[in-house]
Amino acid sequence: MSTSILTSTPTTRGRRLLVLAICCFSLFIVGLDNTVVNIALPSIQHEMGSAASGLQWIIDAYTLVLAALLILSGSVADRVGRRRVFLIGLVVFVLGSLLCSLAPGLGWLIAFRAVQAVGGSMLNPVAMSIITNTFTDRRERAQAIGVWGGVVGISMALGPLIGGFLVEAAGWPSIFLINVPVGLVAWVLTYRYVPESRSPRPRRLDPIGQVLMVVLLGAGTAAIIEGPGHGWTSPLILSLATVAFAALLVLPWWELRTAEPLIDLRFFRSVPFTGATVTAVCAFAALGGFLFLNTLYLQNVRHYDPFEAGLWTLPMAGMMVVFAPVSGRIVGRHGPRVPLLVAGVALAASGVLLTRLADDSPAALLLISYALFGIGFGLVNAPITNAAVSGMPVAQAGVAAAIASTSRQIGQSLGVAVIGTVVAASATFGPSAGPAFTEASHTGWWIVAGLGVAILLLGALTTTAWATRTAAGVAVRLTPEHGRQTVAP
């Protein structure tokens, strides 16, 4: 059975690699915006007088909207055309970036970050669908997915370095302005070279499930971020928590009773898929917390300027650049087990080292812990994506990848919200932050270490023969007419 309708099929390997490069190029700026803003937070705080919760919202407004809309955007793209939605997403992303650079105040900046994310949500899952349908060979597809996952990780790794240079050279608005020319070039390349495709049987939209997802993520994150400021027992926080909990209960109930749900809960009977989803949450929660605490420590405690702070993250970025493609090749040839196990150990070790952080910690402690984090995070991305789509029917691979991508954004949002809130309960985030902030951050670093341990355990559990059998069983149940449909590698 055909899994997509294409107006022009890339027949040569060179043309397929060009499509992959264009998708990765477009996703690079989306991934970059996940992390580039972190390094600018102290500058934005100084100019706009933001409290700790405001800094958290600058990050989470972007990641939450991405998380809430990724699956919807993927479904719409399957219905109306993947290239068409991809092109619209680039336009919205560029517009949101331009508006962010012109934001007159904190509230406007947070709102425009959400606009950016609306555009970004149309790029991430749609690119995966384009790649999945462009690379039909089993091995080529696995390698392409590995490259895609690596680019996402590399873009996020380079964010602090690129952001530090831009903030120091031209101020914080420049981190958004840079997206405008890059996004326009990506639009031209996409229009010229990426073929149009759509699903022959697009999934129906699930508006109730979509609303429940938005309510769950929005209310839950708001309760966590605003809890310290308003009081955990205040009417506002209790109301938000109650609404989030109600959405958490109703969402799976509804999804089990609708014919084509936003999130097909049958996917979670596959242990590798469930493991990839939870691993994505853990890894990106660690990343969100790491970047949030690290940029405040380097600039507000050690008083480095933005460019110097970005340079300090070079070991992390360098290790990600080295190990992300290595991980993709290992996954393509030998499977996800080794990268996941090593990633868990490296992330846990980095977190443990940073629990020893002091205001005047030696350079060796910082550089080693940053390098370990880069190794761990560089290794984890490709196996997450591969495990999410491996064994799934090709018609379902895009949805599975969208859920994995959603898990990434949820993880990062939770990392910033939870770790930032835990630290904010005991210390201030301003330029006068000192020993109190450093001491309070130790709890956050223990959380990062615990997330690394969780990834290690998940990697060991979800790559067993038993786990593989559960994925095969799910593929059979998801495939119409008992397996006549193509199954993704």
Protein backbone atom coordinates (compact mmCIF):
# COMPACT_ATOMS: atom_id res chain seq x y z
CA MET A 1 0.00 0.00 0.00
CA SER A 2 1.30 3.47 -0.77
CA THR A 3 2.03 5.51 2.29
CA SER A 4 2.07 8.95 0.69
CA ILE A 5 1.11 10.84 -2.43
CA LEU A 6 4.03 12.71 -3.97
CA THR A 7 3.92 15.14 -6.89
CA SER A 8 7.59 14.39 -7.67
CA THR A 9 9.67 11.63 -6.11
CA PRO A 10 13.41 12.16 -5.39
CA THR A 11 14.82 9.21 -7.34
CA THR A 12 18.55 9.81 -6.97
CA ARG A 13 20.53 9.56 -3.78
CA GLY A 14 21.87 13.07 -4.30
CA ARG A 15 18.36 14.51 -4.53
CA ARG A 16 17.29 12.62 -1.41
CA LEU A 17 20.31 13.95 0.48
CA LEU A 18 19.44 17.47 -0.70
CA VAL A 19 15.92 17.12 0.72
CA LEU A 20 17.44 15.86 3.99
CA ALA A 21 19.84 18.81 4.09
CA ILE A 22 17.03 21.33 3.53
CA CYS A 23 14.88 19.77 6.27
CA CYS A 24 17.85 19.77 8.66
CA PHE A 25 18.73 23.35 7.74
CA SER A 26 15.20 24.50 8.53
CA LEU A 27 15.10 22.56 11.78
CA PHE A 28 18.47 23.94 12.81
CA ILE A 29 17.01 27.38 13.45
CA VAL A 30 14.05 25.91 15.37
CA GLY A 31 16.34 23.86 17.59
CA LEU A 32 18.65 26.83 17.99
CA ASP A 33 15.79 28.94 19.31
CA ASN A 34 15.16 26.34 21.99
CA THR A 35 18.48 27.25 23.63
CA VAL A 36 19.87 30.45 22.14
CA VAL A 37 17.57 32.55 24.31
CA ASN A 38 18.99 31.14 27.55
CA ILE A 39 22.25 33.04 27.21
CA ALA A 40 20.30 36.29 26.71
CA LEU A 41 18.16 35.90 29.85
CA PRO A 42 20.36 38.07 32.14
CA SER A 43 20.43 40.85 29.50
CA ILE A 44 16.66 40.66 29.06
CA GLN A 45 16.23 40.60 32.85
CA HIS A 46 18.40 43.70 33.22
CA GLU A 47 16.56 45.62 30.49
CA MET A 48 12.99 44.56 31.33
CA GLY A 49 13.27 43.99 35.07
CA SER A 50 11.93 40.46 34.90
CA ALA A 51 11.36 38.26 37.94
CA ALA A 52 12.40 34.60 37.99
CA SER A 53 8.99 33.48 36.72
CA GLY A 54 9.25 35.89 33.78
CA LEU A 55 12.56 34.31 32.73
CA GLN A 56 10.99 30.87 32.93
CA TRP A 57 8.07 31.98 30.76
CA ILE A 58 10.40 33.37 28.07
CA ILE A 59 11.66 29.82 27.60
CA ASP A 60 8.47 27.89 28.29
CA ALA A 61 6.17 30.02 26.12
CA TYR A 62 8.13 28.65 23.17
CA THR A 63 8.53 25.04 24.26
CA LEU A 64 4.95 24.68 25.55
CA VAL A 65 3.34 25.91 22.34
CA LEU A 66 5.63 23.62 20.37
CA ALA A 67 4.63 20.69 22.55
CA ALA A 68 0.92 21.48 22.30
CA LEU A 69 0.80 21.87 18.51
CA LEU A 70 3.37 19.44 17.08
CA ILE A 71 0.99 16.52 16.63
CA LEU A 72 -1.79 18.74 15.26
CA SER A 73 0.59 20.29 12.73
CA GLY A 74 1.73 16.86 11.61
CA SER A 75 -1.86 15.73 11.06
CA VAL A 76 -2.74 18.90 9.12
CA ALA A 77 0.36 18.44 6.95
CA ASP A 78 -0.64 14.87 6.12
CA ARG A 79 -4.02 16.19 5.00
CA VAL A 80 -3.23 19.41 3.06
CA GLY A 81 0.38 18.78 2.00
CA ARG A 82 3.63 18.56 3.92
CA ARG A 83 5.62 21.03 1.84
CA ARG A 84 2.75 23.54 1.99
CA VAL A 85 2.58 23.40 5.80
CA PHE A 86 6.38 23.48 6.03
CA LEU A 87 6.47 26.68 3.95
CA ILE A 88 3.71 28.29 6.05
CA GLY A 89 5.61 27.32 9.19
CA LEU A 90 8.76 29.05 7.97
CA VAL A 91 6.82 32.26 7.27
CA VAL A 92 5.18 32.26 10.73
CA PHE A 93 8.48 31.46 12.41
CA VAL A 94 10.26 34.31 10.62
CA LEU A 95 7.41 36.71 11.48
CA GLY A 96 7.47 35.65 15.15
CA SER A 97 11.24 36.13 15.26
CA LEU A 98 10.97 39.63 13.83
CA LEU A 99 8.27 40.55 16.35
CA CYS A 100 10.39 39.18 19.23
CA SER A 101 13.26 41.47 18.22
CA LEU A 102 10.89 44.45 18.39
CA ALA A 103 9.11 43.50 21.64
CA PRO A 104 8.61 46.61 23.83
CA GLY A 105 8.12 44.69 27.08
CA LEU A 106 8.23 41.32 28.78
CA GLY A 107 4.60 40.39 28.13
CA TRP A 108 4.97 41.16 24.44
CA LEU A 109 8.17 39.14 24.21
CA ILE A 110 6.48 36.11 25.79
CA ALA A 111 3.52 36.45 23.41
CA PHE A 112 5.76 36.73 20.35
CA ARG A 113 7.75 33.71 21.51
CA ALA A 114 4.48 31.81 21.32
CA VAL A 115 3.99 33.05 17.74
CA GLN A 116 7.47 31.78 16.91
CA ALA A 117 6.54 28.40 18.32
CA VAL A 118 3.38 28.18 16.22
CA GLY A 119 5.59 28.37 13.15
CA GLY A 120 8.15 25.99 14.64
CA SER A 121 5.45 23.41 15.32
CA MET A 122 4.82 23.21 11.58
CA LEU A 123 8.47 22.38 10.85
CA ASN A 124 9.56 19.65 13.25
CA PRO A 125 7.07 16.78 12.66
CA VAL A 126 6.52 17.75 9.04
CA ALA A 127 10.24 17.48 8.32
CA MET A 128 10.25 13.99 9.83
CA SER A 129 7.32 12.98 7.61
CA ILE A 130 9.12 14.35 4.56
CA ILE A 131 12.29 12.44 5.48
CA THR A 132 10.39 9.23 6.22
CA ASN A 133 8.66 9.32 2.85
CA THR A 134 11.78 10.40 0.93
CA PHE A 135 14.02 7.63 2.23
CA THR A 136 12.29 4.34 1.47
CA ASP A 137 15.34 2.08 1.93
CA ARG A 138 15.50 0.62 5.43
CA ARG A 139 19.15 1.44 6.11
CA GLU A 140 19.06 4.85 4.40
CA ARG A 141 16.03 5.84 6.45
CA ALA A 142 17.68 4.84 9.74
CA GLN A 143 20.79 6.84 8.85
CA ALA A 144 18.71 9.85 7.74
CA ILE A 145 16.75 9.77 10.99
CA GLY A 146 20.05 9.60 12.86
CA VAL A 147 21.32 12.68 11.00
CA TRP A 148 18.04 14.50 11.70
CA GLY A 149 18.20 13.70 15.42
CA GLY A 150 21.85 14.74 15.49
CA VAL A 151 21.12 18.11 13.87
CA VAL A 152 18.42 18.83 16.44
CA GLY A 153 20.90 18.13 19.23
CA ILE A 154 23.73 20.08 17.60
CA SER A 155 21.55 23.13 17.00
CA MET A 156 20.51 23.16 20.64
CA ALA A 157 24.13 22.70 21.72
CA LEU A 158 25.36 25.64 19.67
CA GLY A 159 22.59 27.93 20.94
CA PRO A 160 24.46 29.32 23.97
CA LEU A 161 27.65 29.90 21.96
CA ILE A 162 25.95 31.62 19.04
CA GLY A 163 23.63 33.50 21.39
CA GLY A 164 26.52 34.75 23.51
CA PHE A 165 28.29 36.14 20.45
CA LEU A 166 25.15 37.85 19.14
CA VAL A 167 24.10 39.34 22.49
CA GLU A 168 27.58 40.71 23.13
CA ALA A 169 27.94 42.09 19.60
CA ALA A 170 24.48 43.49 18.91
CA GLY A 171 22.23 43.07 21.96
CA TRP A 172 19.58 40.48 22.76
CA PRO A 173 17.20 41.39 19.86
CA SER A 174 19.85 40.05 17.44
CA ILE A 175 19.25 36.46 18.56
CA PHE A 176 15.81 36.74 16.98
CA LEU A 177 16.74 38.88 13.97
CA ILE A 178 19.25 36.29 12.76
CA ASN A 179 16.35 33.93 12.09
CA VAL A 180 14.87 36.24 9.46
CA PRO A 181 17.44 35.85 6.63
CA VAL A 182 18.10 32.21 7.52
CA GLY A 183 14.40 31.40 7.50
CA LEU A 184 13.87 33.13 4.15
CA VAL A 185 16.73 31.15 2.56
CA ALA A 186 15.19 27.95 3.96
CA TRP A 187 11.83 28.94 2.45
CA VAL A 188 13.33 29.41 -1.02
CA LEU A 189 15.20 26.10 -0.87
CA THR A 190 12.11 24.25 0.35
CA TYR A 191 9.92 25.74 -2.38
CA ARG A 192 12.47 24.88 -5.05
CA TYR A 193 13.64 21.40 -4.09
CA VAL A 194 11.34 19.65 -1.58
CA PRO A 195 8.57 17.61 -3.25
CA GLU A 196 4.98 17.91 -2.11
CA SER A 197 3.50 14.88 -0.39
CA ARG A 198 0.47 13.99 1.66
CA SER A 199 -1.05 10.93 3.22
CA PRO A 200 -3.59 8.99 1.10
CA ARG A 201 -5.57 8.43 4.29
CA PRO A 202 -5.00 11.49 6.47
CA ARG A 203 -6.02 11.21 10.09
CA ARG A 204 -9.09 13.15 11.15
CA LEU A 205 -8.45 16.02 13.52
CA ASP A 206 -9.21 15.59 17.22
CA PRO A 207 -10.15 19.07 18.45
CA ILE A 208 -11.25 17.89 21.91
CA GLY A 209 -8.01 16.02 22.44
CA GLN A 210 -6.08 19.06 21.22
CA VAL A 211 -7.85 21.38 23.67
CA LEU A 212 -7.26 18.95 26.53
CA MET A 213 -3.55 18.80 25.63
CA VAL A 214 -3.28 22.60 25.65
CA VAL A 215 -5.11 22.86 28.98
CA LEU A 216 -2.99 20.14 30.59
CA LEU A 217 0.35 21.61 29.52
CA GLY A 218 -0.59 25.25 30.02
CA ALA A 219 -2.31 24.96 33.40
CA GLY A 220 0.20 22.46 34.78
CA THR A 221 3.24 24.51 33.83
CA ALA A 222 1.64 27.75 35.03
CA ALA A 223 0.98 26.18 38.42
CA ILE A 224 4.61 25.10 38.75
CA ILE A 225 6.14 28.40 37.62
CA GLU A 226 3.78 30.74 39.45
CA GLY A 227 3.49 28.65 42.63
CA PRO A 228 6.35 30.29 44.56
CA GLY A 229 5.19 33.82 43.73
CA HIS A 230 1.49 33.37 44.51
CA GLY A 231 1.79 30.70 47.20
CA TRP A 232 1.17 27.01 46.64
CA THR A 233 -2.16 27.13 48.48
CA SER A 234 -3.44 30.32 46.81
CA PRO A 235 -6.78 30.07 44.96
CA LEU A 236 -5.07 30.72 41.61
CA ILE A 237 -2.49 27.94 41.96
CA LEU A 238 -4.99 25.45 43.37
CA SER A 239 -7.35 26.22 40.49
CA LEU A 240 -4.61 25.75 37.91
CA ALA A 241 -3.51 22.48 39.49
CA THR A 242 -7.10 21.21 39.62
CA VAL A 243 -7.70 22.07 35.96
CA ALA A 244 -4.44 20.39 34.92
CA PHE A 245 -5.25 17.26 36.93
CA ALA A 246 -8.74 17.08 35.45
CA ALA A 247 -7.32 17.37 31.92
CA LEU A 248 -4.80 14.63 32.76
CA LEU A 249 -7.66 12.30 33.71
CA VAL A 250 -10.01 13.20 30.86
CA LEU A 251 -7.42 13.16 28.05
CA PRO A 252 -6.68 9.39 28.03
CA TRP A 253 -10.38 8.65 28.65
CA TRP A 254 -11.31 10.64 25.57
CA GLU A 255 -8.46 9.34 23.41
CA LEU A 256 -9.53 5.74 24.04
CA ARG A 257 -13.06 6.55 22.86
CA THR A 258 -12.40 8.49 19.67
CA ALA A 259 -11.79 6.77 16.33
CA GLU A 260 -8.68 8.76 15.38
CA PRO A 261 -7.22 10.25 18.54
CA LEU A 262 -4.63 13.00 18.78
CA ILE A 263 -2.42 10.55 20.69
CA ASP A 264 -2.97 6.90 19.82
CA LEU A 265 -2.51 5.20 23.19
CA ARG A 266 -1.87 1.88 21.45
CA PHE A 267 1.62 3.17 20.64
CA PHE A 268 2.48 2.96 24.34
CA ARG A 269 2.06 -0.82 24.36
CA SER A 270 5.41 -0.82 22.56
CA VAL A 271 8.10 -0.74 25.26
CA PRO A 272 10.70 0.87 22.95
CA PHE A 273 8.23 3.60 22.00
CA THR A 274 7.23 4.27 25.61
CA GLY A 275 10.87 4.21 26.61
CA ALA A 276 11.77 6.68 23.86
CA THR A 277 8.97 9.00 25.01
CA VAL A 278 10.00 8.95 28.66
CA THR A 279 13.70 9.17 27.76
CA ALA A 280 12.98 12.24 25.66
CA VAL A 281 11.21 13.89 28.61
CA CYS A 282 14.12 13.07 30.94
CA ALA A 283 16.89 14.12 28.54
CA PHE A 284 15.31 17.41 27.58
CA ALA A 285 14.28 18.19 31.16
CA ALA A 286 17.96 17.78 32.03
CA LEU A 287 18.92 20.06 29.13
CA GLY A 288 16.36 22.72 30.02
CA GLY A 289 17.45 22.78 33.65
CA PHE A 290 21.15 22.67 32.73
CA LEU A 291 21.00 25.64 30.38
CA PHE A 292 18.72 27.69 32.62
CA LEU A 293 20.88 27.31 35.73
CA ASN A 294 24.18 27.45 33.90
CA THR A 295 23.64 30.77 32.13
CA LEU A 296 22.50 32.44 35.37
CA TYR A 297 25.48 31.00 37.26
CA LEU A 298 28.04 32.11 34.68
CA GLN A 299 26.65 35.63 34.22
CA ASN A 300 25.07 36.53 37.56
CA VAL A 301 27.44 34.68 39.92
CA ARG A 302 30.77 34.62 38.05
CA HIS A 303 29.92 37.86 36.19
CA TYR A 304 31.04 36.77 32.74
CA ASP A 305 29.68 38.72 29.80
CA PRO A 306 27.33 36.84 27.40
CA PHE A 307 30.09 35.93 24.94
CA GLU A 308 32.37 34.61 27.67
CA ALA A 309 29.49 32.63 29.13
CA GLY A 310 28.82 31.16 25.70
CA LEU A 311 32.49 30.21 25.33
CA TRP A 312 32.37 28.30 28.60
CA THR A 313 29.73 26.03 27.07
CA LEU A 314 32.04 25.17 24.16
CA PRO A 315 33.02 21.77 25.64
CA MET A 316 29.34 20.82 25.81
CA ALA A 317 28.66 22.03 22.26
CA GLY A 318 31.83 20.39 20.93
CA MET A 319 30.99 17.02 22.43
CA MET A 320 27.45 17.21 21.07
CA VAL A 321 28.76 18.01 17.59
CA VAL A 322 31.14 15.03 17.77
CA PHE A 323 28.87 12.47 19.38
CA ALA A 324 25.50 13.24 17.74
CA PRO A 325 26.50 11.89 14.29
CA VAL A 326 28.43 9.06 15.94
CA SER A 327 25.26 8.09 17.76
CA GLY A 328 23.29 8.15 14.52
CA ARG A 329 25.75 5.77 12.87
CA ILE A 330 25.78 3.43 15.86
CA VAL A 331 21.98 3.34 15.97
CA GLY A 332 21.78 2.71 12.22
CA ARG A 333 24.17 -0.27 12.44
CA HIS A 334 23.78 -1.73 15.92
CA GLY A 335 20.66 -0.29 17.51
CA PRO A 336 20.03 2.20 20.34
CA ARG A 337 21.26 0.27 23.40
CA VAL A 338 24.89 1.42 23.69
CA PRO A 339 24.21 5.13 23.01
CA LEU A 340 21.41 5.17 25.59
CA LEU A 341 23.48 3.48 28.30
CA VAL A 342 26.50 5.71 27.78
CA ALA A 343 24.27 8.80 27.60
CA GLY A 344 22.66 7.97 30.94
CA VAL A 345 26.01 7.50 32.65
CA ALA A 346 27.47 10.71 31.19
CA LEU A 347 24.46 12.87 32.11
CA ALA A 348 24.32 11.47 35.64
CA ALA A 349 28.06 12.03 36.13
CA SER A 350 27.74 15.63 34.91
CA GLY A 351 24.93 16.34 37.35
CA VAL A 352 26.81 14.82 40.28
CA LEU A 353 29.92 16.89 39.51
CA LEU A 354 27.87 20.09 39.38
CA THR A 355 26.44 19.43 42.84
CA ARG A 356 29.94 20.45 44.03
CA LEU A 357 29.61 23.84 42.34
CA ALA A 358 30.83 26.91 44.25
CA ASP A 359 31.16 30.58 43.35
CA ASP A 360 34.86 30.07 42.59
CA SER A 361 34.86 26.48 41.33
CA PRO A 362 37.99 25.61 39.33
CA ALA A 363 37.79 25.63 35.57
CA ALA A 364 38.45 21.89 35.43
CA LEU A 365 35.22 21.10 37.31
CA LEU A 366 33.14 23.20 34.92
CA LEU A 367 34.81 22.02 31.73
CA ILE A 368 34.67 18.32 32.63
CA SER A 369 31.03 18.49 33.72
CA TYR A 370 30.06 20.45 30.59
CA ALA A 371 31.90 17.97 28.35
CA LEU A 372 30.19 15.01 30.04
CA PHE A 373 26.80 16.63 29.57
CA GLY A 374 27.58 17.23 25.89
CA ILE A 375 28.59 13.59 25.40
CA GLY A 376 25.42 12.34 27.06
CA PHE A 377 23.05 14.65 25.26
CA GLY A 378 24.81 14.17 21.94
CA LEU A 379 24.32 10.42 22.19
CA VAL A 380 20.68 10.42 23.29
CA ASN A 381 18.87 12.16 20.43
CA ALA A 382 19.27 9.64 17.61
CA PRO A 383 18.14 6.60 19.65
CA ILE A 384 15.06 8.51 20.87
CA THR A 385 13.90 9.20 17.32
CA ASN A 386 14.83 5.77 16.00
CA ALA A 387 13.11 3.93 18.86
CA ALA A 388 9.97 6.02 18.38
CA VAL A 389 9.51 5.11 14.71
CA SER A 390 11.29 1.75 14.50
CA GLY A 391 8.87 -1.06 13.79
CA MET A 392 5.92 1.27 13.28
CA PRO A 393 3.90 1.09 10.04
CA VAL A 394 5.23 3.83 7.75
CA ALA A 395 1.80 5.48 7.71
CA GLN A 396 2.09 5.86 11.50
CA ALA A 397 5.79 6.81 11.61
CA GLY A 398 5.13 10.54 11.29
CA VAL A 399 2.65 10.48 14.17
CA ALA A 400 5.05 8.44 16.30
CA ALA A 401 7.88 10.87 15.56
CA ALA A 402 5.60 13.82 16.40
CA ILE A 403 4.83 12.28 19.79
CA ALA A 404 8.56 11.83 20.42
CA SER A 405 9.16 15.46 19.43
CA THR A 406 6.32 16.57 21.69
CA SER A 407 7.97 14.67 24.54
CA ARG A 408 11.17 16.61 23.93
CA GLN A 409 9.40 19.94 24.28
CA ILE A 410 7.40 18.81 27.32
CA GLY A 411 10.64 17.68 28.92
CA GLN A 412 12.38 20.98 28.32
CA SER A 413 9.37 22.92 29.61
CA LEU A 414 9.25 20.80 32.77
CA GLY A 415 13.00 21.08 33.27
CA VAL A 416 12.89 24.87 33.23
CA ALA A 417 9.68 25.00 35.28
CA VAL A 418 10.55 22.45 37.96
CA ILE A 419 14.28 23.04 38.37
CA GLY A 420 13.88 26.80 38.08
CA THR A 421 11.11 26.79 40.67
CA VAL A 422 13.05 24.58 43.09
CA VAL A 423 16.03 26.93 42.95
CA ALA A 424 13.90 30.09 43.03
CA ALA A 425 12.36 28.94 46.30
CA SER A 426 15.71 29.45 48.03
CA ALA A 427 17.54 32.14 46.05
CA THR A 428 17.17 35.15 43.76
CA PHE A 429 18.10 35.08 40.08
CA GLY A 430 19.26 38.68 39.71
CA PRO A 431 22.70 40.19 39.05
CA SER A 432 23.42 40.16 42.79
CA ALA A 433 23.02 36.38 42.95
CA GLY A 434 25.89 34.81 44.83
CA PRO A 435 26.52 31.95 47.25
CA ALA A 436 22.80 31.59 47.98
CA PHE A 437 22.03 30.90 44.31
CA THR A 438 24.98 28.54 43.92
CA GLU A 439 23.99 26.58 47.01
CA ALA A 440 20.34 26.46 45.96
CA SER A 441 21.33 25.23 42.50
CA HIS A 442 22.75 22.01 43.99
CA THR A 443 19.22 20.64 44.34
CA GLY A 444 18.67 21.32 40.66
CA TRP A 445 21.88 19.51 39.75
CA TRP A 446 20.83 16.49 41.80
CA ILE A 447 17.63 16.44 39.75
CA VAL A 448 19.74 16.46 36.56
CA ALA A 449 21.79 13.55 37.92
CA GLY A 450 18.62 11.62 38.73
CA LEU A 451 17.35 12.17 35.19
CA GLY A 452 20.60 10.69 33.88
CA VAL A 453 20.11 7.60 36.03
CA ALA A 454 16.55 7.27 34.71
CA ILE A 455 17.86 7.34 31.12
CA LEU A 456 20.39 4.62 31.96
CA LEU A 457 17.70 2.36 33.42
CA LEU A 458 15.32 3.04 30.54
CA GLY A 459 18.05 2.27 28.03
CA ALA A 460 18.73 -1.08 29.68
CA LEU A 461 15.05 -2.02 29.91
CA THR A 462 13.75 -0.89 26.53
CA THR A 463 16.43 -2.49 24.32
CA THR A 464 15.89 -6.08 25.42
CA ALA A 465 14.50 -8.88 23.23
CA TRP A 466 11.27 -8.72 25.21
CA ALA A 467 10.92 -5.00 24.47
CA THR A 468 11.51 -5.64 20.76
CA ARG A 469 8.76 -8.23 20.74
CA THR A 470 6.29 -5.77 22.22
CA ALA A 471 7.10 -3.30 19.42
CA ALA A 472 6.52 -6.01 16.81
CA GLY A 473 3.15 -6.84 18.38
CA VAL A 474 2.07 -3.21 18.29
CA ALA A 475 3.13 -2.91 14.64
CA VAL A 476 0.90 -5.86 13.75
CA ARG A 477 -2.08 -4.38 15.62
CA LEU A 478 -1.59 -0.99 13.97
CA THR A 479 -1.20 -2.40 10.48
CA PRO A 480 -4.43 -2.89 8.52
CA GLU A 481 -5.10 -6.35 7.12
CA HIS A 482 -2.49 -8.03 9.32
CA GLY A 483 0.74 -6.58 8.13
CA ARG A 484 0.25 -5.81 4.44
CA GLN A 485 1.35 -2.25 5.03
CA THR A 486 5.04 -1.32 5.01
CA VAL A 487 6.69 -1.22 8.41
CA ALA A 488 9.36 1.35 9.23
CA PRO A 489 12.85 0.07 10.07
